[in-house]
Amino acid sequence: MTYKNPKDLLLDAIKFPTAVEAKLPAGAPKVSTMLADATAKVPALPDFPMEIPDLPAPPELPEMPTPPVGAGLRRYVTGVEVTPVRAAARPTVTPLVQAYTQPIEGVVGTVTSRRGM
């Protein structure tokens, strides 16, 4: 099926996030329903000047690994050993002192600057 209208293309593109959502655990947010709602709210659009070829099939995704018992939907890392490090000393910052004076002399003023004195 080729596409002539942008809304048809958007509705068919929802199959990609749907394939990802099928692998997520229950309670995960659904992007595909948001995209379907947004596509329904788009006003009528003119057709494309040419036909757009079919979208490829969504990729086959592997099964998600099961988290450790009791972890639920929390983030977890396995096989990592954490060792605390001593915090580095903060560098001292010396303020830069600048004084700008501009005496009025003739038409063009003279700028005198003094740095660090």
N, C-alpha and C. Protein backbone atom coordinates (compact mmCIF):
# COMPACT_ATOMS: atom_id res chain seq x y z
N MET A 1 0.85 -1.17 0.00
CA MET A 1 0.00 0.00 0.00
C MET A 1 0.90 1.23 0.00
N THR A 2 0.71 2.08 -0.94
CA THR A 2 1.48 3.32 -0.98
C THR A 2 0.68 4.42 -0.30
N TYR A 3 1.38 5.46 0.09
CA TYR A 3 0.74 6.54 0.85
C TYR A 3 0.62 7.77 -0.02
N LYS A 4 -0.57 8.36 0.02
CA LYS A 4 -0.79 9.64 -0.65
C LYS A 4 -1.02 10.75 0.36
N ASN A 5 -1.55 10.42 1.55
CA ASN A 5 -1.88 11.43 2.54
C ASN A 5 -0.93 11.31 3.74
N PRO A 6 -0.45 12.43 4.27
CA PRO A 6 0.47 12.38 5.42
C PRO A 6 -0.14 11.71 6.66
N LYS A 7 -1.45 11.88 6.88
CA LYS A 7 -2.07 11.27 8.05
C LYS A 7 -2.02 9.75 7.97
N ASP A 8 -2.20 9.17 6.77
CA ASP A 8 -2.11 7.72 6.62
C ASP A 8 -0.69 7.24 6.93
N LEU A 9 0.28 8.01 6.50
CA LEU A 9 1.68 7.65 6.76
C LEU A 9 1.96 7.69 8.27
N LEU A 10 1.46 8.72 8.96
CA LEU A 10 1.67 8.83 10.40
C LEU A 10 0.99 7.68 11.16
N LEU A 11 -0.22 7.34 10.74
CA LEU A 11 -0.92 6.25 11.41
C LEU A 11 -0.22 4.92 11.21
N ASP A 12 0.36 4.69 10.03
CA ASP A 12 1.06 3.44 9.80
C ASP A 12 2.42 3.42 10.50
N ALA A 13 3.00 4.60 10.74
CA ALA A 13 4.30 4.67 11.42
C ALA A 13 4.19 4.32 12.90
N ILE A 14 2.98 4.25 13.43
CA ILE A 14 2.77 3.93 14.84
C ILE A 14 3.18 2.49 15.13
N LYS A 15 3.29 1.65 14.11
CA LYS A 15 3.64 0.24 14.35
C LYS A 15 5.05 0.09 14.91
N PHE A 16 5.93 1.07 14.70
CA PHE A 16 7.30 0.97 15.22
C PHE A 16 7.34 1.13 16.75
N PRO A 17 6.75 2.22 17.33
CA PRO A 17 6.76 2.28 18.80
C PRO A 17 5.90 1.19 19.42
N THR A 18 4.88 0.70 18.71
CA THR A 18 4.05 -0.37 19.24
C THR A 18 4.88 -1.64 19.41
N ALA A 19 5.79 -1.90 18.47
CA ALA A 19 6.65 -3.09 18.57
C ALA A 19 7.57 -2.99 19.78
N VAL A 20 8.03 -1.80 20.09
CA VAL A 20 8.90 -1.61 21.27
C VAL A 20 8.07 -1.74 22.55
N GLU A 21 6.88 -1.14 22.55
CA GLU A 21 6.04 -1.18 23.74
C GLU A 21 5.59 -2.60 24.09
N ALA A 22 5.51 -3.47 23.10
CA ALA A 22 5.11 -4.85 23.36
C ALA A 22 6.14 -5.57 24.23
N LYS A 23 7.38 -5.13 24.19
CA LYS A 23 8.45 -5.76 24.97
C LYS A 23 8.61 -5.13 26.35
N LEU A 24 8.01 -3.98 26.59
CA LEU A 24 8.16 -3.30 27.88
C LEU A 24 7.26 -3.93 28.92
N PRO A 25 7.63 -3.82 30.21
CA PRO A 25 6.78 -4.37 31.26
C PRO A 25 5.47 -3.58 31.39
N ALA A 26 4.52 -4.18 32.06
CA ALA A 26 3.23 -3.53 32.25
C ALA A 26 3.42 -2.24 33.04
N GLY A 27 2.66 -1.24 32.68
CA GLY A 27 2.74 0.04 33.38
C GLY A 27 3.70 1.03 32.74
N ALA A 28 4.43 0.61 31.70
CA ALA A 28 5.34 1.51 31.02
C ALA A 28 4.52 2.49 30.18
N PRO A 29 4.99 3.72 29.98
CA PRO A 29 4.23 4.69 29.18
C PRO A 29 4.10 4.24 27.73
N LYS A 30 2.98 4.58 27.13
CA LYS A 30 2.69 4.19 25.75
C LYS A 30 2.83 5.41 24.84
N VAL A 31 3.82 5.39 23.98
CA VAL A 31 4.05 6.48 23.03
C VAL A 31 3.09 6.35 21.86
N SER A 32 2.76 5.13 21.48
CA SER A 32 1.93 4.92 20.29
C SER A 32 0.54 5.52 20.47
N THR A 33 -0.03 5.44 21.68
CA THR A 33 -1.36 6.03 21.87
C THR A 33 -1.30 7.55 21.78
N MET A 34 -0.20 8.14 22.25
CA MET A 34 -0.05 9.59 22.14
C MET A 34 0.07 9.99 20.66
N LEU A 35 0.83 9.21 19.89
CA LEU A 35 0.98 9.52 18.47
C LEU A 35 -0.35 9.36 17.73
N ALA A 36 -1.13 8.35 18.07
CA ALA A 36 -2.43 8.15 17.43
C ALA A 36 -3.37 9.31 17.76
N ASP A 37 -3.36 9.76 19.02
CA ASP A 37 -4.20 10.90 19.41
C ASP A 37 -3.77 12.17 18.69
N ALA A 38 -2.45 12.39 18.59
CA ALA A 38 -1.95 13.59 17.92
C ALA A 38 -2.29 13.55 16.43
N THR A 39 -2.20 12.38 15.81
CA THR A 39 -2.52 12.27 14.39
C THR A 39 -3.99 12.53 14.16
N ALA A 40 -4.85 12.09 15.07
CA ALA A 40 -6.29 12.32 14.93
C ALA A 40 -6.62 13.81 15.04
N LYS A 41 -5.81 14.57 15.80
CA LYS A 41 -6.08 15.99 15.98
C LYS A 41 -5.52 16.87 14.86
N VAL A 42 -4.70 16.29 13.98
CA VAL A 42 -4.13 17.06 12.88
C VAL A 42 -5.25 17.39 11.89
N PRO A 43 -5.35 18.64 11.44
CA PRO A 43 -6.40 18.97 10.48
C PRO A 43 -6.15 18.25 9.15
N ALA A 44 -7.14 18.31 8.29
CA ALA A 44 -7.04 17.66 6.98
C ALA A 44 -5.85 18.24 6.21
N LEU A 45 -5.02 17.35 5.71
CA LEU A 45 -3.82 17.76 4.98
C LEU A 45 -3.96 17.39 3.51
N PRO A 46 -3.38 18.19 2.62
CA PRO A 46 -3.43 17.82 1.20
C PRO A 46 -2.56 16.59 0.94
N ASP A 47 -2.87 15.89 -0.11
CA ASP A 47 -2.11 14.69 -0.46
C ASP A 47 -0.70 15.05 -0.91
N PHE A 48 0.21 14.06 -0.80
CA PHE A 48 1.56 14.23 -1.31
C PHE A 48 1.51 14.39 -2.83
N PRO A 49 2.47 15.09 -3.43
CA PRO A 49 2.47 15.21 -4.89
C PRO A 49 2.83 13.89 -5.59
N MET A 50 3.38 12.94 -4.84
CA MET A 50 3.70 11.63 -5.41
C MET A 50 3.41 10.57 -4.36
N GLU A 51 3.40 9.32 -4.78
CA GLU A 51 3.12 8.24 -3.85
C GLU A 51 4.38 7.88 -3.07
N ILE A 52 4.22 7.66 -1.78
CA ILE A 52 5.31 7.27 -0.90
C ILE A 52 5.27 5.74 -0.78
N PRO A 53 6.40 5.04 -0.93
CA PRO A 53 6.37 3.58 -0.82
C PRO A 53 6.06 3.14 0.61
N ASP A 54 5.73 1.86 0.73
CA ASP A 54 5.39 1.29 2.03
C ASP A 54 6.55 1.41 3.00
N LEU A 55 6.21 1.52 4.28
CA LEU A 55 7.22 1.51 5.33
C LEU A 55 7.68 0.08 5.54
N PRO A 56 8.93 -0.10 5.94
CA PRO A 56 9.39 -1.47 6.21
C PRO A 56 8.69 -2.04 7.45
N ALA A 57 8.74 -3.33 7.58
CA ALA A 57 8.15 -3.98 8.76
C ALA A 57 8.97 -3.62 9.98
N PRO A 58 8.33 -3.53 11.15
CA PRO A 58 9.10 -3.22 12.36
C PRO A 58 10.10 -4.34 12.64
N PRO A 59 11.26 -4.01 13.17
CA PRO A 59 12.28 -5.03 13.43
C PRO A 59 11.84 -5.99 14.53
N GLU A 60 12.36 -7.19 14.48
CA GLU A 60 12.09 -8.18 15.53
C GLU A 60 13.02 -7.88 16.70
N LEU A 61 12.45 -7.58 17.83
CA LEU A 61 13.23 -7.19 19.01
C LEU A 61 13.42 -8.38 19.94
N PRO A 62 14.58 -8.50 20.57
CA PRO A 62 14.79 -9.59 21.52
C PRO A 62 13.99 -9.36 22.79
N GLU A 63 13.85 -10.43 23.56
CA GLU A 63 13.14 -10.31 24.83
C GLU A 63 13.99 -9.50 25.81
N MET A 64 13.30 -8.77 26.69
CA MET A 64 14.01 -8.00 27.71
C MET A 64 14.54 -8.93 28.78
N PRO A 65 15.72 -8.64 29.34
CA PRO A 65 16.22 -9.48 30.43
C PRO A 65 15.35 -9.28 31.67
N THR A 66 15.24 -10.29 32.47
CA THR A 66 14.44 -10.17 33.68
C THR A 66 15.29 -9.55 34.79
N PRO A 67 14.75 -8.56 35.49
CA PRO A 67 15.52 -7.94 36.57
C PRO A 67 15.64 -8.89 37.75
N PRO A 68 16.57 -8.64 38.65
CA PRO A 68 16.70 -9.48 39.84
C PRO A 68 15.41 -9.47 40.66
N VAL A 69 15.23 -10.48 41.48
CA VAL A 69 14.02 -10.61 42.29
C VAL A 69 13.90 -9.41 43.22
N GLY A 70 12.72 -8.79 43.23
CA GLY A 70 12.47 -7.66 44.12
C GLY A 70 12.91 -6.33 43.55
N ALA A 71 13.50 -6.29 42.36
CA ALA A 71 13.97 -5.02 41.80
C ALA A 71 12.83 -4.24 41.16
N GLY A 72 11.82 -4.93 40.65
CA GLY A 72 10.70 -4.24 40.02
C GLY A 72 11.17 -3.48 38.79
N LEU A 73 10.72 -2.24 38.63
CA LEU A 73 11.09 -1.43 37.48
C LEU A 73 12.26 -0.50 37.78
N ARG A 74 12.95 -0.70 38.91
CA ARG A 74 14.08 0.16 39.23
C ARG A 74 15.24 -0.14 38.29
N ARG A 75 16.15 0.79 38.20
CA ARG A 75 17.36 0.57 37.41
C ARG A 75 18.31 -0.31 38.21
N TYR A 76 19.00 -1.16 37.53
CA TYR A 76 19.94 -2.02 38.22
C TYR A 76 21.16 -2.27 37.34
N VAL A 77 22.28 -2.53 38.01
CA VAL A 77 23.53 -2.85 37.34
C VAL A 77 24.10 -4.06 38.06
N THR A 78 24.59 -5.03 37.28
CA THR A 78 25.18 -6.20 37.90
C THR A 78 26.63 -6.31 37.48
N GLY A 79 27.45 -6.93 38.33
CA GLY A 79 28.85 -7.16 38.00
C GLY A 79 29.73 -5.94 38.09
N VAL A 80 29.33 -4.94 38.87
CA VAL A 80 30.12 -3.72 39.00
C VAL A 80 30.46 -3.53 40.47
N GLU A 81 31.72 -3.22 40.74
CA GLU A 81 32.15 -2.96 42.10
C GLU A 81 32.45 -1.46 42.22
N VAL A 82 31.82 -0.81 43.19
CA VAL A 82 31.97 0.63 43.37
C VAL A 82 32.88 0.89 44.55
N THR A 83 33.91 1.72 44.35
CA THR A 83 34.80 2.11 45.43
C THR A 83 34.78 3.63 45.54
N PRO A 84 34.60 4.17 46.76
CA PRO A 84 34.55 5.62 46.90
C PRO A 84 35.94 6.24 46.68
N VAL A 85 35.96 7.44 46.14
CA VAL A 85 37.21 8.17 45.94
C VAL A 85 37.15 9.46 46.74
N ARG A 86 38.33 9.95 47.11
CA ARG A 86 38.40 11.19 47.87
C ARG A 86 38.10 12.36 46.95
N ALA A 87 37.31 13.28 47.43
CA ALA A 87 36.96 14.45 46.62
C ALA A 87 38.18 15.32 46.41
N ALA A 88 38.33 15.84 45.21
CA ALA A 88 39.46 16.71 44.88
C ALA A 88 39.27 18.07 45.54
N ALA A 89 40.39 18.70 45.89
CA ALA A 89 40.34 20.04 46.50
C ALA A 89 39.87 21.04 45.46
N ARG A 90 39.06 21.96 45.90
CA ARG A 90 38.56 22.99 44.98
C ARG A 90 39.66 24.01 44.70
N PRO A 91 39.80 24.40 43.44
CA PRO A 91 40.82 25.42 43.14
C PRO A 91 40.38 26.78 43.68
N THR A 92 41.36 27.58 44.11
CA THR A 92 41.04 28.91 44.59
C THR A 92 40.99 29.87 43.41
N VAL A 93 40.04 30.74 43.45
CA VAL A 93 39.84 31.69 42.36
C VAL A 93 40.16 33.08 42.89
N THR A 94 41.10 33.76 42.23
CA THR A 94 41.42 35.13 42.62
C THR A 94 40.64 36.07 41.73
N PRO A 95 39.94 37.01 42.32
CA PRO A 95 39.14 37.93 41.51
C PRO A 95 40.03 38.88 40.71
N LEU A 96 39.59 39.21 39.54
CA LEU A 96 40.30 40.13 38.67
C LEU A 96 39.75 41.53 38.93
N VAL A 97 40.62 42.44 39.34
CA VAL A 97 40.18 43.79 39.67
C VAL A 97 40.45 44.68 38.47
N GLN A 98 39.40 45.36 38.02
CA GLN A 98 39.54 46.26 36.89
C GLN A 98 38.92 47.61 37.25
N ALA A 99 39.60 48.65 36.86
CA ALA A 99 39.06 49.99 37.06
C ALA A 99 39.08 50.70 35.72
N TYR A 100 37.96 51.17 35.31
CA TYR A 100 37.86 51.88 34.03
C TYR A 100 37.56 53.34 34.32
N THR A 101 38.37 54.21 33.76
CA THR A 101 38.09 55.64 33.88
C THR A 101 38.10 56.22 32.47
N GLN A 102 37.24 57.17 32.25
CA GLN A 102 37.18 57.80 30.94
C GLN A 102 37.02 59.30 31.15
N PRO A 103 38.14 60.00 31.20
CA PRO A 103 38.02 61.46 31.37
C PRO A 103 37.48 62.09 30.08
N ILE A 104 36.80 63.19 30.24
CA ILE A 104 36.24 63.89 29.09
C ILE A 104 37.30 64.84 28.56
N GLU A 105 37.80 64.55 27.37
CA GLU A 105 38.81 65.39 26.73
C GLU A 105 38.42 65.58 25.27
N GLY A 106 38.00 66.73 24.93
CA GLY A 106 37.67 67.03 23.54
C GLY A 106 36.46 66.23 23.08
N VAL A 107 36.44 65.90 21.80
CA VAL A 107 35.31 65.20 21.20
C VAL A 107 35.40 63.70 21.48
N VAL A 108 36.59 63.12 21.34
CA VAL A 108 36.78 61.69 21.55
C VAL A 108 37.39 61.49 22.92
N GLY A 109 36.77 60.64 23.72
CA GLY A 109 37.26 60.41 25.08
C GLY A 109 38.46 59.47 25.06
N THR A 110 39.21 59.51 26.14
CA THR A 110 40.36 58.63 26.29
C THR A 110 40.00 57.58 27.34
N VAL A 111 40.28 56.31 27.03
CA VAL A 111 39.98 55.24 27.97
C VAL A 111 41.27 54.83 28.66
N THR A 112 41.26 54.87 29.98
CA THR A 112 42.41 54.45 30.76
C THR A 112 41.98 53.23 31.57
N SER A 113 42.70 52.15 31.42
CA SER A 113 42.34 50.96 32.19
C SER A 113 43.55 50.54 33.03
N ARG A 114 43.29 49.98 34.19
CA ARG A 114 44.32 49.56 35.08
C ARG A 114 43.95 48.15 35.53
N ARG A 115 44.82 47.18 35.24
CA ARG A 115 44.52 45.79 35.58
C ARG A 115 45.47 45.28 36.63
N GLY A 116 44.93 44.83 37.73
CA GLY A 116 45.71 44.19 38.76
C GLY A 116 46.71 45.06 39.48
N MET A 117 46.56 46.35 39.46
CA MET A 117 47.50 47.24 40.15
C MET A 117 46.91 47.74 41.42
